[in-house]
Amino acid sequence: MKNTAAPQPSKGEDHSTRLFRVQELTARLGVGRSTVYDWLQNPDPEHPFPRPVKIGRITAWRASDVQAWLDALPASVAA
């Protein structure tokens, strides 16, 4: 059974500069790659998923943006 609880940052984890590639992001959120890209294509008007940053050919998400998105989700969705 998949754990659907929102992931919590590790103690001492610096979210100001940390970047998640899609593989790590999907593992942390417990969703598939297509779900992440669906959230980007069809954003929730109240809680849009953070936009990734591009570094050359690399796509990544700022950990601070992802954590802020998780924190803003209603408890019924994040639980």
PDB file of N, CA and C in Angstrom:
ATOM      1  N   MET A   1       0.837  -1.167   0.000  1.00  0.00           N
ATOM      2  CA  MET A   1       0.000   0.000   0.000  1.00  0.00           C
ATOM      3  C   MET A   1       0.889   1.239   0.000  1.00  0.00           C
ATOM      4  N   LYS A   2       0.551   2.204  -0.838  1.00  0.00           N
ATOM      5  CA  LYS A   2       1.347   3.420  -0.972  1.00  0.00           C
ATOM      6  C   LYS A   2       1.061   4.379   0.171  1.00  0.00           C
ATOM      7  N   ASN A   3       2.121   4.982   0.686  1.00  0.00           N
ATOM      8  CA  ASN A   3       1.972   5.999   1.714  1.00  0.00           C
ATOM      9  C   ASN A   3       1.586   7.303   1.020  1.00  0.00           C
ATOM     10  N   THR A   4       0.399   7.844   1.342  1.00  0.00           N
ATOM     11  CA  THR A   4      -0.069   9.060   0.684  1.00  0.00           C
ATOM     12  C   THR A   4       0.149  10.302   1.531  1.00  0.00           C
ATOM     13  N   ALA A   5       0.770  10.150   2.686  1.00  0.00           N
ATOM     14  CA  ALA A   5       1.046  11.318   3.523  1.00  0.00           C
ATOM     15  C   ALA A   5       2.077  12.212   2.846  1.00  0.00           C
ATOM     16  N   ALA A   6       1.923  13.507   3.056  1.00  0.00           N
ATOM     17  CA  ALA A   6       2.862  14.460   2.476  1.00  0.00           C
ATOM     18  C   ALA A   6       4.252  14.232   3.042  1.00  0.00           C
ATOM     19  N   PRO A   7       5.263  14.196   2.194  1.00  0.00           N
ATOM     20  CA  PRO A   7       6.621  13.981   2.685  1.00  0.00           C
ATOM     21  C   PRO A   7       7.100  15.158   3.511  1.00  0.00           C
ATOM     22  N   GLN A   8       7.845  14.865   4.532  1.00  0.00           N
ATOM     23  CA  GLN A   8       8.394  15.898   5.396  1.00  0.00           C
ATOM     24  C   GLN A   8       9.883  16.017   5.122  1.00  0.00           C
ATOM     25  N   PRO A   9      10.407  17.240   5.179  1.00  0.00           N
ATOM     26  CA  PRO A   9      11.839  17.398   4.944  1.00  0.00           C
ATOM     27  C   PRO A   9      12.644  16.786   6.068  1.00  0.00           C
ATOM     28  N   SER A  10      13.827  16.326   5.740  1.00  0.00           N
ATOM     29  CA  SER A  10      14.736  15.793   6.756  1.00  0.00           C
ATOM     30  C   SER A  10      15.232  16.937   7.615  1.00  0.00           C
ATOM     31  N   LYS A  11      15.557  16.634   8.858  1.00  0.00           N
ATOM     32  CA  LYS A  11      16.094  17.669   9.738  1.00  0.00           C
ATOM     33  C   LYS A  11      17.365  18.223   9.114  1.00  0.00           C
ATOM     34  N   GLY A  12      17.453  19.540   9.103  1.00  0.00           N
ATOM     35  CA  GLY A  12      18.630  20.192   8.567  1.00  0.00           C
ATOM     36  C   GLY A  12      18.663  20.282   7.054  1.00  0.00           C
ATOM     37  N   GLU A  13      17.628  19.820   6.379  1.00  0.00           N
ATOM     38  CA  GLU A  13      17.611  19.868   4.919  1.00  0.00           C
ATOM     39  C   GLU A  13      17.374  21.311   4.472  1.00  0.00           C
ATOM     40  N   ASP A  14      18.239  21.826   3.632  1.00  0.00           N
ATOM     41  CA  ASP A  14      18.156  23.201   3.164  1.00  0.00           C
ATOM     42  C   ASP A  14      17.307  23.255   1.909  1.00  0.00           C
ATOM     43  N   HIS A  15      16.103  23.812   2.033  1.00  0.00           N
ATOM     44  CA  HIS A  15      15.193  23.887   0.894  1.00  0.00           C
ATOM     45  C   HIS A  15      15.421  25.124   0.038  1.00  0.00           C
ATOM     46  N   SER A  16      16.309  26.016   0.461  1.00  0.00           N
ATOM     47  CA  SER A  16      16.491  27.249  -0.295  1.00  0.00           C
ATOM     48  C   SER A  16      17.214  27.017  -1.621  1.00  0.00           C
ATOM     49  N   THR A  17      18.086  26.035  -1.698  1.00  0.00           N
ATOM     50  CA  THR A  17      18.852  25.817  -2.920  1.00  0.00           C
ATOM     51  C   THR A  17      18.717  24.400  -3.477  1.00  0.00           C
ATOM     52  N   ARG A  18      18.070  23.516  -2.776  1.00  0.00           N
ATOM     53  CA  ARG A  18      17.944  22.120  -3.202  1.00  0.00           C
ATOM     54  C   ARG A  18      17.043  22.028  -4.416  1.00  0.00           C
ATOM     55  N   LEU A  19      17.430  21.204  -5.387  1.00  0.00           N
ATOM     56  CA  LEU A  19      16.626  20.964  -6.582  1.00  0.00           C
ATOM     57  C   LEU A  19      16.288  19.488  -6.665  1.00  0.00           C
ATOM     58  N   PHE A  20      15.056  19.205  -7.104  1.00  0.00           N
ATOM     59  CA  PHE A  20      14.614  17.828  -7.317  1.00  0.00           C
ATOM     60  C   PHE A  20      14.477  17.587  -8.808  1.00  0.00           C
ATOM     61  N   ARG A  21      15.148  16.550  -9.311  1.00  0.00           N
ATOM     62  CA  ARG A  21      14.890  16.089 -10.677  1.00  0.00           C
ATOM     63  C   ARG A  21      13.590  15.297 -10.620  1.00  0.00           C
ATOM     64  N   VAL A  22      12.996  15.028 -11.763  1.00  0.00           N
ATOM     65  CA  VAL A  22      11.672  14.410 -11.793  1.00  0.00           C
ATOM     66  C   VAL A  22      11.653  13.050 -11.079  1.00  0.00           C
ATOM     67  N   GLN A  23      12.725  12.267 -11.183  1.00  0.00           N
ATOM     68  CA  GLN A  23      12.746  10.955 -10.537  1.00  0.00           C
ATOM     69  C   GLN A  23      12.649  11.087  -9.015  1.00  0.00           C
ATOM     70  N   GLU A  24      13.400  12.015  -8.448  1.00  0.00           N
ATOM     71  CA  GLU A  24      13.354  12.202  -7.001  1.00  0.00           C
ATOM     72  C   GLU A  24      12.032  12.834  -6.578  1.00  0.00           C
ATOM     73  N   LEU A  25      11.541  13.768  -7.376  1.00  0.00           N
ATOM     74  CA  LEU A  25      10.276  14.421  -7.071  1.00  0.00           C
ATOM     75  C   LEU A  25       9.133  13.415  -7.021  1.00  0.00           C
ATOM     76  N   THR A  26       9.056  12.549  -8.021  1.00  0.00           N
ATOM     77  CA  THR A  26       7.974  11.565  -8.044  1.00  0.00           C
ATOM     78  C   THR A  26       8.093  10.588  -6.880  1.00  0.00           C
ATOM     79  N   ALA A  27       9.316  10.215  -6.532  1.00  0.00           N
ATOM     80  CA  ALA A  27       9.511   9.309  -5.400  1.00  0.00           C
ATOM     81  C   ALA A  27       9.084   9.976  -4.092  1.00  0.00           C
ATOM     82  N   ARG A  28       9.425  11.232  -3.913  1.00  0.00           N
ATOM     83  CA  ARG A  28       9.059  11.949  -2.689  1.00  0.00           C
ATOM     84  C   ARG A  28       7.562  12.178  -2.580  1.00  0.00           C
ATOM     85  N   LEU A  29       6.911  12.433  -3.717  1.00  0.00           N
ATOM     86  CA  LEU A  29       5.479  12.706  -3.697  1.00  0.00           C
ATOM     87  C   LEU A  29       4.637  11.441  -3.797  1.00  0.00           C
ATOM     88  N   GLY A  30       5.241  10.344  -4.208  1.00  0.00           N
ATOM     89  CA  GLY A  30       4.501   9.091  -4.334  1.00  0.00           C
ATOM     90  C   GLY A  30       3.537   9.088  -5.511  1.00  0.00           C
ATOM     91  N   VAL A  31       3.915   9.784  -6.584  1.00  0.00           N
ATOM     92  CA  VAL A  31       3.090   9.833  -7.800  1.00  0.00           C
ATOM     93  C   VAL A  31       3.973   9.498  -8.993  1.00  0.00           C
ATOM     94  N   GLY A  32       3.337   9.239 -10.112  1.00  0.00           N
ATOM     95  CA  GLY A  32       4.077   8.938 -11.325  1.00  0.00           C
ATOM     96  C   GLY A  32       4.499  10.192 -12.072  1.00  0.00           C
ATOM     97  N   ARG A  33       5.434  10.020 -12.972  1.00  0.00           N
ATOM     98  CA  ARG A  33       5.939  11.116 -13.799  1.00  0.00           C
ATOM     99  C   ARG A  33       4.811  11.787 -14.585  1.00  0.00           C
ATOM    100  N   SER A  34       3.918  10.991 -15.135  1.00  0.00           N
ATOM    101  CA  SER A  34       2.829  11.574 -15.926  1.00  0.00           C
ATOM    102  C   SER A  34       1.908  12.427 -15.063  1.00  0.00           C
ATOM    103  N   THR A  35       1.755  12.087 -13.797  1.00  0.00           N
ATOM    104  CA  THR A  35       0.936  12.896 -12.893  1.00  0.00           C
ATOM    105  C   THR A  35       1.548  14.273 -12.699  1.00  0.00           C
ATOM    106  N   VAL A  36       2.861  14.331 -12.511  1.00  0.00           N
ATOM    107  CA  VAL A  36       3.543  15.618 -12.344  1.00  0.00           C
ATOM    108  C   VAL A  36       3.321  16.484 -13.575  1.00  0.00           C
ATOM    109  N   TYR A  37       3.502  15.926 -14.758  1.00  0.00           N
ATOM    110  CA  TYR A  37       3.343  16.711 -15.972  1.00  0.00           C
ATOM    111  C   TYR A  37       1.873  17.059 -16.230  1.00  0.00           C
ATOM    112  N   ASP A  38       0.961  16.213 -15.771  1.00  0.00           N
ATOM    113  CA  ASP A  38      -0.467  16.540 -15.862  1.00  0.00           C
ATOM    114  C   ASP A  38      -0.789  17.736 -14.959  1.00  0.00           C
ATOM    115  N   TRP A  39      -0.212  17.763 -13.755  1.00  0.00           N
ATOM    116  CA  TRP A  39      -0.415  18.905 -12.846  1.00  0.00           C
ATOM    117  C   TRP A  39       0.083  20.194 -13.486  1.00  0.00           C
ATOM    118  N   LEU A  40       1.146  20.108 -14.276  1.00  0.00           N
ATOM    119  CA  LEU A  40       1.672  21.295 -14.945  1.00  0.00           C
ATOM    120  C   LEU A  40       0.780  21.731 -16.110  1.00  0.00           C
ATOM    121  N   GLN A  41       0.257  20.761 -16.855  1.00  0.00           N
ATOM    122  CA  GLN A  41      -0.581  21.064 -18.014  1.00  0.00           C
ATOM    123  C   GLN A  41      -1.988  21.510 -17.621  1.00  0.00           C
ATOM    124  N   ASN A  42      -2.494  20.981 -16.517  1.00  0.00           N
ATOM    125  CA  ASN A  42      -3.856  21.259 -16.055  1.00  0.00           C
ATOM    126  C   ASN A  42      -3.814  21.707 -14.602  1.00  0.00           C
ATOM    127  N   PRO A  43      -3.312  22.914 -14.352  1.00  0.00           N
ATOM    128  CA  PRO A  43      -3.115  23.339 -12.967  1.00  0.00           C
ATOM    129  C   PRO A  43      -4.418  23.541 -12.201  1.00  0.00           C
ATOM    130  N   ASP A  44      -4.372  23.216 -10.925  1.00  0.00           N
ATOM    131  CA  ASP A  44      -5.467  23.503 -10.005  1.00  0.00           C
ATOM    132  C   ASP A  44      -5.456  25.016  -9.804  1.00  0.00           C
ATOM    133  N   PRO A  45      -6.570  25.709 -10.063  1.00  0.00           N
ATOM    134  CA  PRO A  45      -6.565  27.167  -9.951  1.00  0.00           C
ATOM    135  C   PRO A  45      -6.216  27.672  -8.545  1.00  0.00           C
ATOM    136  N   GLU A  46      -6.554  26.901  -7.521  1.00  0.00           N
ATOM    137  CA  GLU A  46      -6.279  27.341  -6.151  1.00  0.00           C
ATOM    138  C   GLU A  46      -4.891  26.933  -5.666  1.00  0.00           C
ATOM    139  N   HIS A  47      -4.372  25.824  -6.161  1.00  0.00           N
ATOM    140  CA  HIS A  47      -3.075  25.311  -5.704  1.00  0.00           C
ATOM    141  C   HIS A  47      -2.265  24.779  -6.889  1.00  0.00           C
ATOM    142  N   PRO A  48      -1.831  25.679  -7.791  1.00  0.00           N
ATOM    143  CA  PRO A  48      -1.074  25.200  -8.952  1.00  0.00           C
ATOM    144  C   PRO A  48       0.266  24.590  -8.534  1.00  0.00           C
ATOM    145  N   PHE A  49       0.630  23.533  -9.212  1.00  0.00           N
ATOM    146  CA  PHE A  49       1.901  22.872  -8.939  1.00  0.00           C
ATOM    147  C   PHE A  49       3.020  23.796  -9.381  1.00  0.00           C
ATOM    148  N   PRO A  50       4.125  23.850  -8.625  1.00  0.00           N
ATOM    149  CA  PRO A  50       5.223  24.755  -8.985  1.00  0.00           C
ATOM    150  C   PRO A  50       5.811  24.450 -10.362  1.00  0.00           C
ATOM    151  N   ARG A  51       6.190  25.498 -11.061  1.00  0.00           N
ATOM    152  CA  ARG A  51       6.829  25.358 -12.354  1.00  0.00           C
ATOM    153  C   ARG A  51       8.272  24.919 -12.152  1.00  0.00           C
ATOM    154  N   PRO A  52       8.769  24.075 -13.019  1.00  0.00           N
ATOM    155  CA  PRO A  52      10.174  23.673 -12.903  1.00  0.00           C
ATOM    156  C   PRO A  52      11.102  24.772 -13.419  1.00  0.00           C
ATOM    157  N   VAL A  53      12.349  24.631 -13.073  1.00  0.00           N
ATOM    158  CA  VAL A  53      13.385  25.514 -13.627  1.00  0.00           C
ATOM    159  C   VAL A  53      14.172  24.694 -14.637  1.00  0.00           C
ATOM    160  N   LYS A  54      14.664  25.360 -15.654  1.00  0.00           N
ATOM    161  CA  LYS A  54      15.482  24.697 -16.665  1.00  0.00           C
ATOM    162  C   LYS A  54      16.912  25.145 -16.481  1.00  0.00           C
ATOM    163  N   ILE A  55      17.814  24.192 -16.415  1.00  0.00           N
ATOM    164  CA  ILE A  55      19.249  24.465 -16.341  1.00  0.00           C
ATOM    165  C   ILE A  55      19.854  23.698 -17.506  1.00  0.00           C
ATOM    166  N   GLY A  56      20.068  24.406 -18.598  1.00  0.00           N
ATOM    167  CA  GLY A  56      20.486  23.718 -19.817  1.00  0.00           C
ATOM    168  C   GLY A  56      19.361  22.802 -20.270  1.00  0.00           C
ATOM    169  N   ARG A  57      19.669  21.524 -20.392  1.00  0.00           N
ATOM    170  CA  ARG A  57      18.647  20.537 -20.774  1.00  0.00           C
ATOM    171  C   ARG A  57      17.993  19.883 -19.584  1.00  0.00           C
ATOM    172  N   ILE A  58      18.390  20.264 -18.386  1.00  0.00           N
ATOM    173  CA  ILE A  58      17.880  19.644 -17.163  1.00  0.00           C
ATOM    174  C   ILE A  58      16.645  20.388 -16.666  1.00  0.00           C
ATOM    175  N   THR A  59      15.625  19.628 -16.298  1.00  0.00           N
ATOM    176  CA  THR A  59      14.419  20.176 -15.687  1.00  0.00           C
ATOM    177  C   THR A  59      14.431  19.763 -14.223  1.00  0.00           C
ATOM    178  N   ALA A  60      14.210  20.726 -13.340  1.00  0.00           N
ATOM    179  CA  ALA A  60      14.221  20.435 -11.908  1.00  0.00           C
ATOM    180  C   ALA A  60      13.262  21.381 -11.199  1.00  0.00           C
ATOM    181  N   TRP A  61      12.867  20.988 -10.006  1.00  0.00           N
ATOM    182  CA  TRP A  61      11.981  21.792  -9.181  1.00  0.00           C
ATOM    183  C   TRP A  61      12.710  22.233  -7.933  1.00  0.00           C
ATOM    184  N   ARG A  62      12.522  23.483  -7.531  1.00  0.00           N
ATOM    185  CA  ARG A  62      13.102  23.966  -6.278  1.00  0.00           C
ATOM    186  C   ARG A  62      12.384  23.290  -5.127  1.00  0.00           C
ATOM    187  N   ALA A  63      13.143  22.729  -4.202  1.00  0.00           N
ATOM    188  CA  ALA A  63      12.561  22.061  -3.041  1.00  0.00           C
ATOM    189  C   ALA A  63      11.696  23.028  -2.248  1.00  0.00           C
ATOM    190  N   SER A  64      12.118  24.283  -2.154  1.00  0.00           N
ATOM    191  CA  SER A  64      11.339  25.272  -1.399  1.00  0.00           C
ATOM    192  C   SER A  64       9.970  25.508  -2.053  1.00  0.00           C
ATOM    193  N   ASP A  65       9.904  25.494  -3.387  1.00  0.00           N
ATOM    194  CA  ASP A  65       8.624  25.662  -4.088  1.00  0.00           C
ATOM    195  C   ASP A  65       7.712  24.461  -3.848  1.00  0.00           C
ATOM    196  N   VAL A  66       8.297  23.270  -3.911  1.00  0.00           N
ATOM    197  CA  VAL A  66       7.511  22.052  -3.692  1.00  0.00           C
ATOM    198  C   VAL A  66       6.997  22.014  -2.253  1.00  0.00           C
ATOM    199  N   GLN A  67       7.848  22.362  -1.284  1.00  0.00           N
ATOM    200  CA  GLN A  67       7.419  22.354   0.112  1.00  0.00           C
ATOM    201  C   GLN A  67       6.328  23.390   0.354  1.00  0.00           C
ATOM    202  N   ALA A  68       6.453  24.571  -0.247  1.00  0.00           N
ATOM    203  CA  ALA A  68       5.416  25.601  -0.104  1.00  0.00           C
ATOM    204  C   ALA A  68       4.095  25.114  -0.694  1.00  0.00           C
ATOM    205  N   TRP A  69       4.161  24.408  -1.827  1.00  0.00           N
ATOM    206  CA  TRP A  69       2.958  23.848  -2.443  1.00  0.00           C
ATOM    207  C   TRP A  69       2.326  22.808  -1.519  1.00  0.00           C
ATOM    208  N   LEU A  70       3.138  21.921  -0.950  1.00  0.00           N
ATOM    209  CA  LEU A  70       2.628  20.923  -0.021  1.00  0.00           C
ATOM    210  C   LEU A  70       1.987  21.572   1.199  1.00  0.00           C
ATOM    211  N   ASP A  71       2.651  22.601   1.729  1.00  0.00           N
ATOM    212  CA  ASP A  71       2.138  23.287   2.916  1.00  0.00           C
ATOM    213  C   ASP A  71       0.813  23.995   2.630  1.00  0.00           C
ATOM    214  N   ALA A  72       0.601  24.438   1.384  1.00  0.00           N
ATOM    215  CA  ALA A  72      -0.611  25.165   1.029  1.00  0.00           C
ATOM    216  C   ALA A  72      -1.784  24.248   0.710  1.00  0.00           C
ATOM    217  N   LEU A  73      -1.534  22.970   0.501  1.00  0.00           N
ATOM    218  CA  LEU A  73      -2.622  22.039   0.192  1.00  0.00           C
ATOM    219  C   LEU A  73      -3.538  21.886   1.398  1.00  0.00           C
ATOM    220  N   PRO A  74      -4.836  21.767   1.140  1.00  0.00           N
ATOM    221  CA  PRO A  74      -5.749  21.498   2.259  1.00  0.00           C
ATOM    222  C   PRO A  74      -5.391  20.169   2.918  1.00  0.00           C
ATOM    223  N   ALA A  75      -5.644  20.057   4.184  1.00  0.00           N
ATOM    224  CA  ALA A  75      -5.301  18.840   4.949  1.00  0.00           C
ATOM    225  C   ALA A  75      -5.947  17.600   4.339  1.00  0.00           C
ATOM    226  N   SER A  76      -7.146  17.736   3.788  1.00  0.00           N
ATOM    227  CA  SER A  76      -7.853  16.582   3.215  1.00  0.00           C
ATOM    228  C   SER A  76      -7.136  16.049   1.966  1.00  0.00           C
ATOM    229  N   VAL A  77      -6.415  16.908   1.260  1.00  0.00           N
ATOM    230  CA  VAL A  77      -5.687  16.487   0.052  1.00  0.00           C
ATOM    231  C   VAL A  77      -4.302  15.983   0.421  1.00  0.00           C
ATOM    232  N   ALA A  78      -3.630  16.664   1.334  1.00  0.00           N
ATOM    233  CA  ALA A  78      -2.252  16.333   1.702  1.00  0.00           C
ATOM    234  C   ALA A  78      -2.164  15.077   2.555  1.00  0.00           C
ATOM    235  N   ALA A  79      -3.242  14.666   3.182  1.00  0.00           N
ATOM    236  CA  ALA A  79      -3.196  13.504   4.089  1.00  0.00           C
ATOM    237  C   ALA A  79      -3.308  12.202   3.355  1.00  0.00           C
TER     238      ALA A  79
END
